């Protein structure tokens, strides 16, 4: 009963999202399906897919460089731990190609909102999965994702996935399986993207049947299917239930012994049983897990990104919403011009009744070279048989296209006309072009701030997961001697958390900062040039220069330079090599 109510609440929230109803229309447009399938074949289907180009441009601009991530500690004694956490985040960013995962979530966010599902596993590995609004469903959403009453996550997993996690507990789970293939149900049909919603609502059921798109659904299937899958539903609940007993309660993972997990805890009477969220997992209709959240941070393990948030909606607006009418107008004008050009190339011919025999007229093709047409004796060629004059394209059509539609689309998309720069008497330099692009892409700068905020959401959870799941051996394997601290050798060995502090709260002493504007390629290039100039003036160290230039092995380079300088000996003095040094001459000249 509880699950049904939660699922219904989540689905209602999803259906209230204005962008969810338009996803199919956006996808159709991105795939080049703007025109109605019933459009006559002789009419042009011209399509200038500018929205697809805008999508690639936006994703590239927001994800083509690595953001500047800094981790700091509020306690000076833990500065080394902050450096370790920062290095691990940088290493995971490169190893797991999180820039691609970031591109995935930006792609989802362009439809309204996107999510990262964040986690970690022993002995030390961060997990990141990009999700859309159909996979992560807030229940009773608040102003922010973390203020929601619960979060439902749903997807499909093979049976072996459940067996690897729960072992014998997954026996007989084949009964919950569904077919891995999609089936077409003729009784289910949805509105196609090219039909407005108000028109669709006014259609009769019969017309919806003929014009609608058949929806594809998974159907229950038996264990005989070669590729069965099971619907996975995870509920992360902010459960306010209290310990109403008179004794202390041990809350632990029911499937793992205490010695194999570090997120168990004790609850005193009248305290919350699930202070760090409750985690419930269903496989089909079978409950597989009900226990505490496996993460110390006590947050929902999700971060959400909205590129166009609005205060009155639980999720943001799609970037395609304002661009589609402009792209449709461009396509309509282009198709109309193509139709006129086709009529110029293949003009229509008219004739007077009786001027030509019907049999002769039916065999005559005006565009065929060498065609012959025999007229009656009384027929006049100039008046009785002639081509129709093609329609004239009004001049304001081209003016509207080039003066408003295309510039407005490019302005909203944040693109810059590079061909116009080449026509200038003096072509601007790279830095000037970057500055011009920055000034033209105000929406992009705002979107980059939302991405920075999104990465901070994810980074806060990453810091907690590093302290909880990264063992001493794994840190040594990733960072060498730099991966260990004095806290690894206290009364709680092989853990960065000091033995004298509550393990669940240690991560709160650390904060993560995504440097403002670090997603901006131009600003990062300017900072690098400034760092090089400061290094020439001896205002910053060589190690700091390498950090600003994002040289991965800067310490190793400095070490090699020192060894090379030592091997070469001291530098020459007054233009001469010291006696006995490398390059000393022997004997007489000439």
Protein backbone atom coordinates (compact mmCIF):
# COMPACT_ATOMS: atom_id res chain seq x y z
CA UNK A 1 0.00 0.00 0.00
CA UNK A 2 2.82 2.41 0.89
CA UNK A 3 4.64 1.63 -2.34
CA UNK A 4 1.54 2.16 -4.47
CA UNK A 5 0.92 5.55 -2.89
CA UNK A 6 4.56 6.60 -3.33
CA UNK A 7 4.62 5.46 -6.94
CA UNK A 8 1.38 7.28 -7.72
CA UNK A 9 2.71 10.46 -6.11
CA UNK A 10 5.94 10.22 -8.14
CA UNK A 11 4.12 9.61 -11.43
CA UNK A 12 1.74 12.52 -10.75
CA UNK A 13 4.72 14.80 -10.17
CA UNK A 14 6.25 13.62 -13.43
CA UNK A 15 3.05 14.16 -15.38
CA UNK A 16 2.75 17.69 -13.96
CA UNK A 17 6.11 18.52 -15.51
CA UNK A 18 5.24 20.53 -18.65
CA UNK A 19 8.38 19.36 -20.42
CA UNK A 20 7.76 15.66 -19.92
CA UNK A 21 4.73 15.84 -22.23
CA UNK A 22 6.84 17.46 -24.95
CA UNK A 23 9.81 15.08 -24.92
CA UNK A 24 8.58 13.06 -27.87
CA UNK A 25 8.11 16.22 -29.93
CA UNK A 26 11.64 17.39 -29.08
CA UNK A 27 13.09 13.99 -29.97
CA UNK A 28 11.20 13.94 -33.27
CA UNK A 29 12.57 17.35 -34.12
CA UNK A 30 16.15 16.38 -33.22
CA UNK A 31 15.84 13.32 -35.45
CA UNK A 32 14.55 15.36 -38.38
CA UNK A 33 10.89 14.38 -38.19
CA UNK A 34 9.13 17.73 -38.29
CA UNK A 35 6.74 17.14 -41.17
CA UNK A 36 3.51 15.23 -40.91
CA UNK A 37 3.66 11.72 -42.35
CA UNK A 38 0.58 12.59 -44.45
CA UNK A 39 2.32 15.56 -46.12
CA UNK A 40 2.03 15.18 -49.95
CA UNK A 41 5.14 13.73 -51.53
CA UNK A 42 5.36 16.53 -54.09
CA UNK A 43 5.75 19.07 -51.26
CA UNK A 44 9.27 19.80 -50.05
CA UNK A 45 10.41 18.31 -46.72
CA UNK A 46 13.28 20.77 -46.34
CA UNK A 47 14.79 20.57 -42.86
CA UNK A 48 17.54 22.75 -41.41
CA UNK A 49 18.29 20.96 -38.12
CA UNK A 50 19.64 23.96 -36.25
CA UNK A 51 18.35 22.62 -32.94
CA UNK A 52 20.62 19.60 -33.25
CA UNK A 53 23.58 21.89 -33.93
CA UNK A 54 22.60 23.97 -30.88
CA UNK A 55 22.53 20.79 -28.78
CA UNK A 56 26.06 19.80 -29.81
CA UNK A 57 27.33 23.35 -29.29
CA UNK A 58 25.84 23.67 -25.81
CA UNK A 59 27.13 20.29 -24.63
CA UNK A 60 30.58 21.04 -26.02
CA UNK A 61 30.81 24.50 -24.45
CA UNK A 62 29.76 23.25 -21.01
CA UNK A 63 31.89 20.10 -20.90
CA UNK A 64 34.98 20.50 -23.07
CA UNK A 65 37.38 21.35 -20.24
CA UNK A 66 38.02 20.11 -16.72
CA UNK A 67 36.66 22.41 -13.99
CA UNK A 68 38.98 23.76 -11.32
CA UNK A 69 38.11 21.75 -8.20
CA UNK A 70 39.54 22.73 -4.80
CA UNK A 71 38.97 20.87 -1.52
CA UNK A 72 39.75 22.69 1.71
CA UNK A 73 39.58 21.84 5.43
CA UNK A 74 38.30 24.09 8.19
CA UNK A 75 40.93 22.58 10.52
CA UNK A 76 44.55 23.20 9.58
CA UNK A 77 45.60 19.77 10.89
CA UNK A 78 43.52 18.10 8.18
CA UNK A 79 44.98 20.05 5.26
CA UNK A 80 46.79 16.93 4.02
CA UNK A 81 43.52 14.99 4.02
CA UNK A 82 41.93 17.73 1.92
CA UNK A 83 44.77 17.42 -0.58
CA UNK A 84 44.27 13.64 -0.72
CA UNK A 85 40.52 14.03 -1.34
CA UNK A 86 41.20 16.60 -4.07
CA UNK A 87 43.74 14.35 -5.80
CA UNK A 88 41.34 11.38 -5.67
CA UNK A 89 38.57 13.45 -7.26
CA UNK A 90 40.93 14.57 -10.02
CA UNK A 91 42.11 10.99 -10.55
CA UNK A 92 38.55 9.64 -10.72
CA UNK A 93 37.56 12.46 -13.09
CA UNK A 94 40.23 11.31 -15.51
CA UNK A 95 39.99 7.55 -14.97
CA UNK A 96 36.21 7.32 -15.29
CA UNK A 97 36.00 10.05 -17.96
CA UNK A 98 33.52 12.01 -15.90
CA UNK A 99 33.57 14.74 -18.52
CA UNK A 100 31.57 12.33 -20.70
CA UNK A 101 29.20 11.61 -17.79
CA UNK A 102 28.85 15.38 -17.42
CA UNK A 103 27.98 15.64 -21.12
CA UNK A 104 25.28 12.99 -20.58
CA UNK A 105 23.64 14.88 -17.73
CA UNK A 106 23.80 18.17 -19.68
CA UNK A 107 22.07 16.37 -22.56
CA UNK A 108 19.31 15.28 -20.16
CA UNK A 109 19.09 18.78 -18.66
CA UNK A 110 18.42 20.28 -22.09
CA UNK A 111 15.04 18.53 -21.93
CA UNK A 112 14.34 20.15 -18.55
CA UNK A 113 16.33 18.42 -15.83
CA UNK A 114 19.05 15.81 -15.54
CA UNK A 115 20.49 13.79 -12.66
CA UNK A 116 23.63 12.07 -11.50
CA UNK A 117 23.14 8.99 -9.34
CA UNK A 118 26.16 9.04 -7.04
CA UNK A 119 27.67 6.23 -5.01
CA UNK A 120 30.85 4.48 -3.92
CA UNK A 121 32.03 0.93 -3.30
CA UNK A 122 34.88 -0.73 -1.44
CA UNK A 123 37.86 -0.69 -1.51
CA UNK A 124 37.54 2.71 -3.16
CA UNK A 125 35.72 3.69 -6.34
CA UNK A 126 33.20 6.44 -7.01
CA UNK A 127 30.21 5.57 -9.20
CA UNK A 128 28.34 8.04 -11.38
CA UNK A 129 25.29 7.27 -13.54
CA UNK A 130 23.54 9.91 -15.66
CA UNK A 131 19.73 9.74 -15.48
CA UNK A 132 16.74 11.52 -16.95
CA UNK A 133 13.50 12.73 -15.45
CA UNK A 134 11.83 9.38 -16.17
CA UNK A 135 14.35 7.47 -14.01
CA UNK A 136 14.64 9.77 -10.97
CA UNK A 137 11.27 10.85 -9.61
CA UNK A 138 11.07 13.13 -6.54
CA UNK A 139 8.14 12.41 -4.22
CA UNK A 140 6.56 15.54 -2.76
CA UNK A 141 9.39 17.68 -4.18
CA UNK A 142 10.62 20.68 -2.24
CA UNK A 143 12.49 23.80 -3.37
CA UNK A 144 15.60 21.65 -3.79
CA UNK A 145 16.05 17.96 -4.48
CA UNK A 146 17.35 17.29 -0.96
CA UNK A 147 14.17 18.81 0.55
CA UNK A 148 11.90 16.25 -1.11
CA UNK A 149 10.09 13.70 1.07
CA UNK A 150 11.55 10.80 -0.92
CA UNK A 151 13.22 9.90 -4.20
CA UNK A 152 12.26 6.99 -6.43
CA UNK A 153 14.82 5.59 -8.87
CA UNK A 154 13.72 3.04 -11.46
CA UNK A 155 15.44 1.13 -14.21
CA UNK A 156 15.77 -2.42 -15.58
CA UNK A 157 18.48 -4.90 -14.60
CA UNK A 158 19.25 -8.48 -15.68
CA UNK A 159 18.58 -11.27 -13.19
CA UNK A 160 22.30 -11.91 -12.76
CA UNK A 161 22.71 -8.39 -11.37
CA UNK A 162 20.39 -9.22 -8.48
CA UNK A 163 22.08 -12.58 -7.90
CA UNK A 164 25.51 -10.96 -7.67
CA UNK A 165 24.26 -8.66 -4.88
CA UNK A 166 21.80 -10.80 -2.92
CA UNK A 167 22.86 -14.34 -3.78
CA UNK A 168 20.35 -16.98 -2.67
CA UNK A 169 17.84 -14.26 -1.77
CA UNK A 170 17.30 -13.77 -5.53
CA UNK A 171 16.23 -17.39 -6.12
CA UNK A 172 12.95 -17.63 -8.01
CA UNK A 173 13.21 -14.03 -9.12
CA UNK A 174 12.52 -15.13 -12.69
CA UNK A 175 8.81 -14.83 -11.93
CA UNK A 176 9.27 -11.06 -11.69
CA UNK A 177 10.99 -10.80 -15.06
CA UNK A 178 9.76 -8.93 -18.11
CA UNK A 179 10.76 -9.20 -21.72
CA UNK A 180 13.92 -7.41 -22.74
CA UNK A 181 12.27 -6.58 -26.06
CA UNK A 182 9.58 -3.98 -26.63
CA UNK A 183 6.12 -4.93 -27.84
CA UNK A 184 3.69 -2.79 -29.78
CA UNK A 185 0.27 -2.53 -28.20
CA UNK A 186 -2.32 -1.29 -30.69
CA UNK A 187 -4.59 -0.08 -27.89
CA UNK A 188 -2.03 2.40 -26.56
CA UNK A 189 -1.28 5.50 -28.60
CA UNK A 190 0.17 8.88 -27.74
CA UNK A 191 0.22 12.31 -29.32
CA UNK A 192 2.85 12.73 -32.07
CA UNK A 193 5.17 15.69 -31.79
CA UNK A 194 3.87 17.59 -34.82
CA UNK A 195 0.27 17.80 -33.49
CA UNK A 196 -0.33 20.54 -30.86
CA UNK A 197 -1.79 19.40 -27.55
CA UNK A 198 -4.95 21.50 -27.89
CA UNK A 199 -5.63 19.92 -31.31
CA UNK A 200 -4.98 16.44 -29.98
CA UNK A 201 -7.37 16.90 -27.05
CA UNK A 202 -10.16 17.88 -29.45
CA UNK A 203 -9.80 14.73 -31.59
CA UNK A 204 -12.17 11.81 -31.31
CA UNK A 205 -10.81 8.42 -30.14
CA UNK A 206 -11.01 7.13 -33.71
CA UNK A 207 -8.89 10.00 -35.05
CA UNK A 208 -6.39 9.56 -32.22
CA UNK A 209 -6.13 5.90 -33.16
CA UNK A 210 -5.28 6.76 -36.78
CA UNK A 211 -2.99 9.72 -36.11
CA UNK A 212 -1.37 8.69 -32.83
CA UNK A 213 1.92 6.91 -32.26
CA UNK A 214 1.67 3.40 -30.90
CA UNK A 215 3.36 3.33 -27.51
CA UNK A 216 5.95 0.66 -26.85
CA UNK A 217 5.73 -1.10 -23.51
CA UNK A 218 7.46 -3.96 -21.78
CA UNK A 219 5.15 -6.89 -21.25
CA UNK A 220 5.43 -9.60 -18.58
CA UNK A 221 7.35 -12.59 -19.80
CA UNK A 222 8.15 -15.98 -18.43
CA UNK A 223 11.54 -17.43 -17.58
CA UNK A 224 11.76 -18.95 -21.07
CA UNK A 225 12.83 -15.58 -22.47
CA UNK A 226 16.50 -15.63 -23.46
CA UNK A 227 17.15 -12.11 -22.13
CA UNK A 228 14.80 -11.51 -19.20
CA UNK A 229 15.11 -8.30 -17.20
CA UNK A 230 13.54 -7.17 -13.94
CA UNK A 231 12.26 -3.74 -13.05
CA UNK A 232 14.37 -2.25 -10.26
CA UNK A 233 12.85 0.37 -7.99
CA UNK A 234 14.87 2.07 -5.28
CA UNK A 235 13.19 4.30 -2.70
CA UNK A 236 15.30 6.73 -0.69
CA UNK A 237 13.02 7.96 2.08
CA UNK A 238 13.44 10.68 4.69
CA UNK A 239 11.59 8.56 7.25
CA UNK A 240 10.72 10.38 10.51
CA UNK A 241 9.98 7.15 12.42
CA UNK A 242 11.28 7.13 16.03
CA UNK A 243 12.57 4.39 18.26
CA UNK A 244 9.48 4.01 20.43
CA UNK A 245 10.97 1.20 22.49
CA UNK A 246 12.70 1.60 25.85
CA UNK A 247 15.95 0.06 24.64
CA UNK A 248 18.78 0.94 22.33
CA UNK A 249 18.30 -0.33 18.76
CA UNK A 250 21.11 -1.45 16.45
CA UNK A 251 20.40 -0.36 12.87
CA UNK A 252 22.46 -2.24 10.28
CA UNK A 253 22.32 -3.61 6.76
CA UNK A 254 20.21 -6.77 7.10
CA UNK A 255 22.19 -8.57 4.39
CA UNK A 256 25.77 -7.81 5.52
CA UNK A 257 27.55 -8.67 8.81
CA UNK A 258 28.70 -5.75 10.98
CA UNK A 259 32.34 -6.47 10.21
CA UNK A 260 31.77 -5.96 6.46
CA UNK A 261 30.13 -2.52 6.45
CA UNK A 262 30.79 0.73 8.29
CA UNK A 263 27.41 2.47 8.16
CA UNK A 264 25.67 0.70 11.05
CA UNK A 265 24.73 2.76 14.09
CA UNK A 266 22.83 2.65 17.40
CA UNK A 267 19.62 4.55 18.13
CA UNK A 268 18.62 5.56 21.61
CA UNK A 269 14.93 5.67 22.69
CA UNK A 270 12.88 8.50 21.16
CA UNK A 271 15.51 9.18 18.50
CA UNK A 272 15.08 8.78 14.75
CA UNK A 273 15.60 5.29 13.39
CA UNK A 274 16.69 6.55 9.97
CA UNK A 275 18.56 9.85 10.45
CA UNK A 276 20.59 9.25 7.27
CA UNK A 277 17.65 8.18 5.10
CA UNK A 278 15.99 4.81 4.64
CA UNK A 279 16.77 2.67 1.59
CA UNK A 280 14.18 0.24 0.16
CA UNK A 281 14.76 -1.85 -2.97
CA UNK A 282 12.14 -3.74 -5.02
CA UNK A 283 12.76 -6.27 -7.78
CA UNK A 284 9.46 -6.32 -9.59
CA UNK A 285 6.99 -6.78 -6.72
CA UNK A 286 9.45 -8.51 -4.39
CA UNK A 287 11.19 -6.49 -1.72
CA UNK A 288 14.92 -7.19 -1.74
CA UNK A 289 16.28 -4.74 0.81
CA UNK A 290 15.04 -2.49 3.61
CA UNK A 291 17.68 -0.84 5.72
CA UNK A 292 19.72 2.31 6.37
CA UNK A 293 21.30 4.39 3.66
CA UNK A 294 24.84 3.13 3.01
CA UNK A 295 26.29 6.67 2.94
CA UNK A 296 27.49 8.76 5.88
CA UNK A 297 26.52 12.07 4.32
CA UNK A 298 22.80 11.41 4.93
CA UNK A 299 21.79 13.01 1.61
CA UNK A 300 19.83 11.58 -1.26
CA UNK A 301 22.56 10.11 -3.50
CA UNK A 302 21.53 12.28 -6.42
CA UNK A 303 22.50 15.66 -7.85
CA UNK A 304 20.20 17.44 -10.27
CA UNK A 305 21.02 19.91 -13.03
CA UNK A 306 18.61 22.41 -14.55
CA UNK A 307 19.90 24.80 -17.20
CA UNK A 308 16.69 26.87 -17.15
CA UNK A 309 15.17 26.63 -13.65
CA UNK A 310 11.95 28.46 -12.85
CA UNK A 311 10.61 29.24 -9.41
CA UNK A 312 7.10 27.97 -10.02
CA UNK A 313 7.91 24.54 -11.44
CA UNK A 314 9.48 21.49 -9.77
CA UNK A 315 11.79 21.07 -12.75
CA UNK A 316 13.32 23.43 -15.28
CA UNK A 317 12.23 24.33 -18.78
CA UNK A 318 13.75 22.78 -21.86
CA UNK A 319 16.23 24.72 -23.97
CA UNK A 320 14.35 23.49 -27.03
CA UNK A 321 11.10 25.20 -26.02
CA UNK A 322 12.00 28.69 -27.27
CA UNK A 323 14.08 27.50 -30.21
CA UNK A 324 11.58 25.17 -31.86
CA UNK A 325 9.19 27.88 -33.19
CA UNK A 326 12.13 29.67 -34.81
CA UNK A 327 13.50 26.48 -36.33
CA UNK A 328 10.01 25.54 -37.59
CA UNK A 329 9.62 28.95 -39.23
CA UNK A 330 13.03 28.58 -40.91
CA UNK A 331 12.06 25.15 -42.19
CA UNK A 332 8.69 26.35 -43.48
CA UNK A 333 10.29 29.19 -45.43
CA UNK A 334 12.98 26.87 -46.77
CA UNK A 335 10.40 24.29 -47.82
CA UNK A 336 8.28 26.99 -49.47
CA UNK A 337 11.24 28.31 -51.46
CA UNK A 338 12.07 24.77 -52.55
CA UNK A 339 8.48 24.28 -53.74
CA UNK A 340 8.69 27.48 -55.81
CA UNK A 341 12.06 26.46 -57.26
CA UNK A 342 10.61 23.09 -58.19
CA UNK A 343 7.77 24.81 -60.01
CA UNK A 344 10.30 26.96 -61.88
CA UNK A 345 12.32 23.91 -62.92
CA UNK A 346 9.26 21.84 -63.72
CA UNK A 347 6.60 24.42 -64.66
CA UNK A 348 2.96 23.56 -64.96
CA UNK A 349 1.45 23.58 -68.47
CA UNK A 350 -2.13 24.51 -69.35
CA UNK A 351 -4.13 24.14 -72.53
CA UNK A 352 -7.60 25.02 -73.85
CA UNK A 353 -10.16 22.27 -74.16
CA UNK A 354 -10.22 21.08 -77.76
CA UNK A 355 -6.85 22.47 -78.74
CA UNK A 356 -5.18 19.08 -78.24
CA UNK A 357 -6.56 15.58 -78.41
CA UNK A 358 -6.87 13.90 -75.03
CA UNK A 359 -4.80 10.89 -76.12
CA UNK A 360 -1.97 13.16 -77.30
CA UNK A 361 -2.12 15.30 -74.17
CA UNK A 362 -1.94 12.29 -71.86
CA UNK A 363 1.24 11.03 -73.57
CA UNK A 364 3.00 14.41 -73.55
CA UNK A 365 5.55 15.26 -70.82
CA UNK A 366 6.57 18.94 -70.88
CA UNK A 367 9.99 18.33 -69.23
CA UNK A 368 11.02 15.52 -71.59
CA UNK A 369 13.66 16.54 -74.17
CA UNK A 370 12.54 16.00 -77.76
CA UNK A 371 8.86 15.71 -76.83
CA UNK A 372 6.31 16.29 -79.57
CA UNK A 373 2.83 17.77 -79.23
CA UNK A 374 0.36 17.89 -82.12
CA UNK A 375 -2.23 20.68 -82.02
CA UNK A 376 -5.55 20.96 -83.78
CA UNK A 377 -5.78 23.15 -86.85
CA UNK A 378 -7.57 25.99 -85.10
CA UNK A 379 -5.29 26.04 -82.03
CA UNK A 380 -2.92 28.92 -81.35
CA UNK A 381 0.32 28.01 -79.61
CA UNK A 382 0.83 31.23 -77.66
CA UNK A 383 -2.68 31.34 -76.21
CA UNK A 384 -3.92 27.74 -76.12
CA UNK A 385 -0.80 25.92 -74.90
CA UNK A 386 1.57 27.63 -72.47
CA UNK A 387 3.39 27.32 -69.16
CA UNK A 388 1.97 28.85 -66.03
CA UNK A 389 4.04 31.64 -64.57
CA UNK A 390 5.65 30.45 -61.29
CA UNK A 391 4.78 32.41 -58.15
CA UNK A 392 7.13 35.21 -57.13
CA UNK A 393 8.73 34.92 -53.70
CA UNK A 394 8.01 38.15 -51.80
CA UNK A 395 11.19 40.05 -50.87
CA UNK A 396 10.10 40.31 -47.24
CA UNK A 397 10.41 36.51 -46.97
CA UNK A 398 14.19 36.62 -47.36
CA UNK A 399 14.36 39.69 -45.15
CA UNK A 400 12.38 37.94 -42.39
CA UNK A 401 14.60 34.86 -42.68
CA UNK A 402 17.98 36.57 -42.67
CA UNK A 403 17.02 39.64 -40.64
CA UNK A 404 15.11 38.04 -37.77
CA UNK A 405 14.75 34.25 -37.68
CA UNK A 406 18.36 33.16 -38.14
CA UNK A 407 19.97 35.96 -36.04
CA UNK A 408 17.45 35.45 -33.24
CA UNK A 409 18.00 31.70 -33.24
CA UNK A 410 21.79 32.14 -33.15
CA UNK A 411 21.55 34.71 -30.38
CA UNK A 412 19.43 32.46 -28.18
CA UNK A 413 21.62 29.47 -28.97
CA UNK A 414 24.77 31.41 -28.05
CA UNK A 415 26.52 30.83 -31.40
CA UNK A 416 28.75 33.33 -33.17
CA UNK A 417 29.02 33.97 -36.91
CA UNK A 418 32.70 33.23 -37.58
CA UNK A 419 32.35 33.96 -41.31
CA UNK A 420 31.54 37.59 -40.51
CA UNK A 421 34.85 37.94 -38.64
CA UNK A 422 36.83 36.88 -41.70
CA UNK A 423 35.34 39.76 -43.70
CA UNK A 424 36.86 42.37 -41.40
CA UNK A 425 39.93 44.30 -42.51
CA UNK A 426 41.85 42.96 -39.53
CA UNK A 427 40.94 39.50 -38.27
CA UNK A 428 40.78 39.52 -34.43
CA UNK A 429 43.19 37.38 -32.44
CA UNK A 430 42.24 34.24 -30.55
CA UNK A 431 41.90 36.07 -27.22
CA UNK A 432 39.72 38.77 -28.79
CA UNK A 433 37.49 36.18 -30.42
CA UNK A 434 37.10 34.39 -27.08
CA UNK A 435 36.17 37.66 -25.39
CA UNK A 436 33.65 38.44 -28.12
CA UNK A 437 32.15 34.99 -27.74
CA UNK A 438 31.90 35.46 -23.98
CA UNK A 439 30.09 38.76 -24.42
CA UNK A 440 27.63 37.19 -26.86
CA UNK A 441 26.92 34.10 -24.76
CA UNK A 442 25.36 35.50 -21.60
CA UNK A 443 22.97 32.51 -21.36
CA UNK A 444 25.97 30.19 -21.60
CA UNK A 445 27.68 31.94 -18.69
CA UNK A 446 24.56 31.51 -16.58
CA UNK A 447 24.28 27.87 -17.58
CA UNK A 448 27.91 27.31 -16.63
CA UNK A 449 27.10 28.66 -13.14
CA UNK A 450 24.33 26.10 -12.83
CA UNK A 451 26.77 23.38 -13.89
CA UNK A 452 29.24 24.60 -11.25
CA UNK A 453 26.51 24.40 -8.60
CA UNK A 454 25.64 20.92 -9.80
CA UNK A 455 29.26 19.80 -9.48
CA UNK A 456 29.39 21.20 -5.94
CA UNK A 457 26.34 19.08 -5.06
CA UNK A 458 28.12 16.03 -6.39
CA UNK A 459 31.46 17.01 -4.85
CA UNK A 460 30.06 17.24 -1.33
CA UNK A 461 28.89 13.64 -1.54
CA UNK A 462 32.17 12.59 -3.18
CA UNK A 463 34.18 13.91 -0.21
CA UNK A 464 32.07 11.94 2.26
CA UNK A 465 32.31 8.79 0.13
CA UNK A 466 36.10 9.12 -0.10
CA UNK A 467 36.46 9.14 3.69
CA UNK A 468 33.99 6.27 4.02
CA UNK A 469 34.96 3.89 1.22
CA UNK A 470 38.59 4.54 0.21
CA UNK A 471 40.87 2.24 2.15
CA UNK A 472 44.50 2.92 2.96
CA UNK A 473 45.62 0.31 0.41
CA UNK A 474 43.55 1.87 -2.37
CA UNK A 475 44.84 5.37 -1.63
CA UNK A 476 48.42 4.11 -1.67
CA UNK A 477 47.72 2.34 -4.96
CA UNK A 478 46.35 5.53 -6.53
CA UNK A 479 48.60 8.23 -5.03
CA UNK A 480 51.61 6.42 -3.63
CA UNK A 481 53.07 7.80 -0.41
CA UNK A 482 50.97 10.95 -0.81
CA UNK A 483 47.85 8.87 -0.17
CA UNK A 484 48.47 8.23 3.54
CA UNK A 485 48.13 10.44 6.62
CA UNK A 486 49.01 10.15 10.32
CA UNK A 487 45.37 9.24 11.01
CA UNK A 488 45.94 5.96 9.15
CA UNK A 489 48.08 4.78 12.09
CA UNK A 490 45.94 5.74 15.11
CA UNK A 491 43.59 3.50 17.07
CA UNK A 492 41.39 3.17 13.98
CA UNK A 493 44.06 2.09 11.46
CA UNK A 494 43.80 2.34 7.67
CA UNK A 495 41.15 5.07 7.90
CA UNK A 496 41.65 8.81 7.40
CA UNK A 497 38.95 9.48 10.00
CA UNK A 498 40.56 10.21 13.38
CA UNK A 499 39.70 7.63 16.01
CA UNK A 500 38.72 10.41 18.43
CA UNK A 501 35.93 11.79 16.22
CA UNK A 502 32.54 10.37 15.14
CA UNK A 503 33.22 8.79 11.77
CA UNK A 504 29.94 10.02 10.26
CA UNK A 505 30.69 13.71 10.91
CA UNK A 506 34.34 14.03 9.93
CA UNK A 507 33.55 14.85 6.28
CA UNK A 508 31.65 17.97 7.43
CA UNK A 509 34.99 19.64 8.23
CA UNK A 510 35.76 19.79 4.52
CA UNK A 511 34.30 21.87 1.71
CA UNK A 512 34.59 21.80 -2.05
CA UNK A 513 34.83 24.78 -4.35
CA UNK A 514 34.36 24.86 -8.10
CA UNK A 515 36.17 28.00 -9.13
CA UNK A 516 33.71 30.43 -10.70
CA UNK A 517 34.19 30.63 -14.44
CA UNK A 518 36.49 27.60 -14.59
CA UNK A 519 34.11 26.00 -17.08
CA UNK A 520 34.77 28.98 -19.32
CA UNK A 521 37.48 28.12 -21.82
CA UNK A 522 38.40 31.76 -22.45
CA UNK A 523 38.80 32.63 -18.77
CA UNK A 524 40.95 29.56 -18.22
CA UNK A 525 43.21 30.47 -21.15
CA UNK A 526 43.64 33.99 -19.79
CA UNK A 527 44.53 32.62 -16.35
CA UNK A 528 47.18 30.36 -17.88
CA UNK A 529 48.76 33.25 -19.78
CA UNK A 530 48.77 35.31 -16.58
CA UNK A 531 50.43 32.44 -14.68
CA UNK A 532 53.18 32.21 -17.31
CA UNK A 533 53.86 35.95 -17.02
CA UNK A 534 53.97 35.75 -13.20
CA UNK A 535 56.42 32.84 -13.42
CA UNK A 536 58.71 34.87 -15.69
CA UNK A 537 58.67 37.65 -13.09
CA UNK A 538 59.45 35.11 -10.31
CA UNK A 539 56.20 36.01 -8.55
CA UNK A 540 55.01 32.39 -8.29
CA UNK A 541 56.87 29.12 -7.91
CA UNK A 542 57.36 26.58 -10.67
CA UNK A 543 55.16 24.13 -8.80
CA UNK A 544 52.34 26.70 -8.63
CA UNK A 545 52.77 27.36 -12.36
CA UNK A 546 52.30 23.67 -13.11
CA UNK A 547 49.21 23.60 -10.93
CA UNK A 548 47.64 26.50 -12.82
CA UNK A 549 48.58 24.96 -16.15
CA UNK A 550 47.01 21.70 -14.93
CA UNK A 551 50.15 19.68 -15.57
CA UNK A 552 49.34 16.26 -14.14
CA UNK A 553 52.91 15.21 -13.19
CA UNK A 554 54.33 18.57 -12.12
CA UNK A 555 56.15 17.22 -9.06
CA UNK A 556 57.80 14.53 -11.16
CA UNK A 557 58.96 17.12 -13.70
CA UNK A 558 60.50 19.28 -10.96
CA UNK A 559 62.26 16.24 -9.53
CA UNK A 560 63.67 15.27 -12.92
CA UNK A 561 64.83 18.85 -13.55
CA UNK A 562 66.67 18.86 -10.21
CA UNK A 563 68.36 15.55 -10.99
CA UNK A 564 69.36 16.78 -14.44
CA UNK A 565 70.80 20.03 -13.04
CA UNK A 566 72.78 18.05 -10.49
CA UNK A 567 74.16 15.76 -13.21
CA UNK A 568 75.18 18.69 -15.45
CA UNK A 569 76.97 20.52 -12.65
CA UNK A 570 76.93 24.24 -11.79
CA UNK A 571 76.23 26.76 -14.57
CA UNK A 572 79.11 28.54 -16.36
CA UNK A 573 80.59 31.66 -14.73
CA UNK A 574 81.51 34.71 -16.83
CA UNK A 575 80.94 32.72 -19.99
CA UNK A 576 83.52 30.06 -18.99
CA UNK A 577 83.05 26.55 -17.78
CA UNK A 578 84.61 25.95 -14.33
CA UNK A 579 87.83 23.98 -14.32
CA UNK A 580 87.13 20.27 -14.15
CA UNK A 581 83.53 20.76 -15.20
CA UNK A 582 81.77 19.35 -18.21
CA UNK A 583 83.08 20.76 -21.45
CA UNK A 584 86.60 21.73 -20.15
CA UNK A 585 89.15 22.02 -22.93
CA UNK A 586 92.45 20.18 -22.78
CA UNK A 587 95.62 20.77 -24.77
CA UNK A 588 96.50 23.72 -26.93
CA UNK A 589 94.47 25.36 -29.62
CA UNK A 590 95.41 25.13 -33.21
